[in-house]
Structures are given as structure tokens and as C-alpha cells.
Protein backbone atom coordinates (compact mmCIF):
# COMPACT_ATOMS: atom_id res chain seq x y z
CA MET A 1 108.82 110.96 114.64
CA ILE A 2 106.81 109.02 111.71
CA VAL A 3 107.28 111.00 108.48
CA SER A 4 104.09 110.55 106.63
CA ASN A 5 103.31 110.88 103.02
CA ASP A 6 100.99 113.38 103.33
CA SER A 7 103.82 116.05 104.73
CA ILE A 8 106.62 114.99 102.12
CA LYS A 9 103.90 115.64 99.25
CA GLU A 10 102.97 118.69 100.20
CA HIS A 11 106.66 120.14 99.69
CA SER A 12 107.36 118.10 96.01
CA PRO A 13 103.94 116.19 94.02
CA VAL A 14 106.62 113.37 93.25
CA PHE A 15 106.59 111.77 96.56
CA GLU A 16 102.50 111.62 96.11
CA PHE A 17 102.78 107.65 95.14
CA LEU A 18 105.74 106.76 97.21
CA PRO A 19 105.10 104.27 99.43
CA ILE A 20 107.09 106.08 102.16
CA GLU A 21 105.62 104.73 105.35
CA THR A 22 105.46 100.91 103.89
CA LEU A 23 109.07 101.06 103.36
CA ILE A 24 109.65 102.67 106.99
CA LYS A 25 107.51 99.92 108.37
CA ALA A 26 109.32 97.18 106.82
CA GLN A 27 112.54 98.75 108.42
CA GLN A 28 110.76 99.69 111.68
CA GLN A 29 113.49 98.42 114.03
CA GLU A 30 116.27 100.25 111.66
CA TYR A 31 114.07 103.61 112.06
CA TYR A 32 114.23 103.57 115.52
CA ASN A 33 117.84 102.54 115.97
CA VAL A 34 118.54 105.20 113.93
CA LEU A 35 116.52 107.70 115.97
CA GLY A 36 117.99 106.36 119.10
CA LYS A 37 121.63 107.21 117.48
CA SER A 38 120.53 110.56 116.11
CA ASP A 39 119.17 111.12 119.33
CA LYS A 40 122.31 110.08 121.63
CA GLN A 41 124.62 112.03 118.93
CA GLY A 42 122.57 115.08 119.39
CA SER A 43 122.60 115.20 115.52
CA SER A 44 120.15 114.15 112.60
CA THR A 45 122.51 112.80 110.28
CA SER A 46 122.17 109.46 110.45
CA PHE A 47 118.23 109.76 110.74
CA ILE A 48 118.38 111.76 107.21
CA GLU A 49 120.94 109.50 105.86
CA PHE A 50 118.62 106.50 106.83
CA MET A 51 115.31 108.66 105.06
CA LEU A 52 117.34 109.44 102.18
CA GLU A 53 118.03 105.85 101.86
CA ILE A 54 114.23 104.97 102.22
CA ILE A 55 113.45 107.70 99.52
CA LYS A 56 115.92 106.13 96.95
CA GLU A 57 114.37 102.93 97.41
CA ALA A 58 110.99 104.12 96.90
CA LEU A 59 112.01 105.91 93.87
CA GLU A 60 113.78 102.92 92.31
CA ASP A 61 110.84 100.48 93.03
CA LEU A 62 108.44 103.40 91.51
CA LEU A 63 110.82 103.49 88.14
CA LYS A 64 110.69 99.81 87.83
CA ILE A 65 106.89 99.85 87.66
CA GLN A 66 107.07 102.65 85.18
CA ASN A 67 109.52 101.30 82.74
CA VAL A 68 107.66 97.92 82.29
CA SER A 69 104.97 96.96 79.84
CA LEU A 70 102.03 95.96 82.01
CA THR A 71 98.97 94.54 81.56
CA SER A 72 95.75 96.17 82.92
CA SER A 73 95.39 93.78 85.87
CA ASP A 74 99.09 94.10 86.37
CA ARG A 75 98.88 98.12 86.51
CA ILE A 76 96.09 97.87 88.65
CA SER A 77 97.84 95.41 91.00
CA SER A 78 101.02 97.70 91.01
CA PHE A 79 98.85 100.69 91.55
CA ARG A 80 96.95 99.11 94.76
CA GLU A 81 100.26 98.18 96.01
CA ILE A 82 101.37 102.00 95.90
CA ILE A 83 98.06 103.70 96.90
CA GLY A 84 96.81 101.31 99.21
CA ILE A 85 93.16 101.11 100.21
CA LYS A 86 92.30 104.71 99.45
CA GLU A 87 90.33 106.24 96.89
CA PHE A 88 91.72 107.36 93.67
CA SER A 89 90.77 109.26 90.36
CA ARG A 90 91.44 108.43 86.93
CA LYS A 91 94.14 111.71 87.55
CA ASP A 92 96.05 109.64 90.09
CA TYR A 93 96.08 106.48 88.01
CA LEU A 94 97.44 108.60 84.92
CA ARG A 95 100.25 110.06 87.12
CA ALA A 96 101.38 106.79 87.98
CA PHE A 97 101.40 105.45 84.53
CA LYS A 98 102.31 108.11 82.25
CA ASN A 99 102.51 106.09 79.27
CA ILE A 100 98.58 104.51 79.05
CA SER A 101 96.06 106.98 77.57
CA GLN A 102 92.95 108.32 79.14
CA ALA A 103 90.80 105.69 77.69
CA THR A 104 93.33 102.74 78.61
CA ALA A 105 92.97 104.29 82.47
CA SER A 106 89.25 104.42 82.21
CA ARG A 107 89.16 100.70 81.22
CA ASP A 108 91.35 99.76 83.71
């Protein structure tokens, strides 16, 4: 079972820009090991702990981006890493960079 950003963000918008899928892919073998372990144990505790660790890592990464003063090209690069290749609006961009103005977001 792969958990997607779409299913997570439906429950809480805080997860909208977290690269959960990317982090799982980076730890794909561990992901499958934990799924197997949970299956053998008949308990999802290991899987839940793994996913909570992934979410914690994603939140920490997002907070690092949020607390740094970035140039416009830094912001664009960081945002592209988070959002990937899909289209986004200025509103999406502003949600990721709460400390910039609408005018700055438009210029970026």
C-alpha cells in the first residue's frame, strides 16, 4: 500500500506540500521491510511508526525551508523540489512561503 499526498492532504492541509512520496521512495526498501514485518506480526504498529518518522522528517525539512531567508531563485528551486513538475498557483506558492508578499510571489 503506497500512501499518496492526495489521500493525506484531504485530511489535513498541512500535508499539502510535504514530499511524503519522495521520502518513501528514498527509503523504499525499508518501507517494504516494515510492511512485511507488520504483515507477519499481524499489527500495523511498525508501519505506523515508520510513516510517522517519514512525516516528521518531511515536516523538519519544510521548517528548514521556512526559516531561511531565501532569494527568489532559491525559493523557486526549493518550491520545485516540494511540488515537483505539477502546476501551481500564486496562492500555493504563498502557502509555502508565508513570509513573502503577494507582489514578491508574483515576481518570483
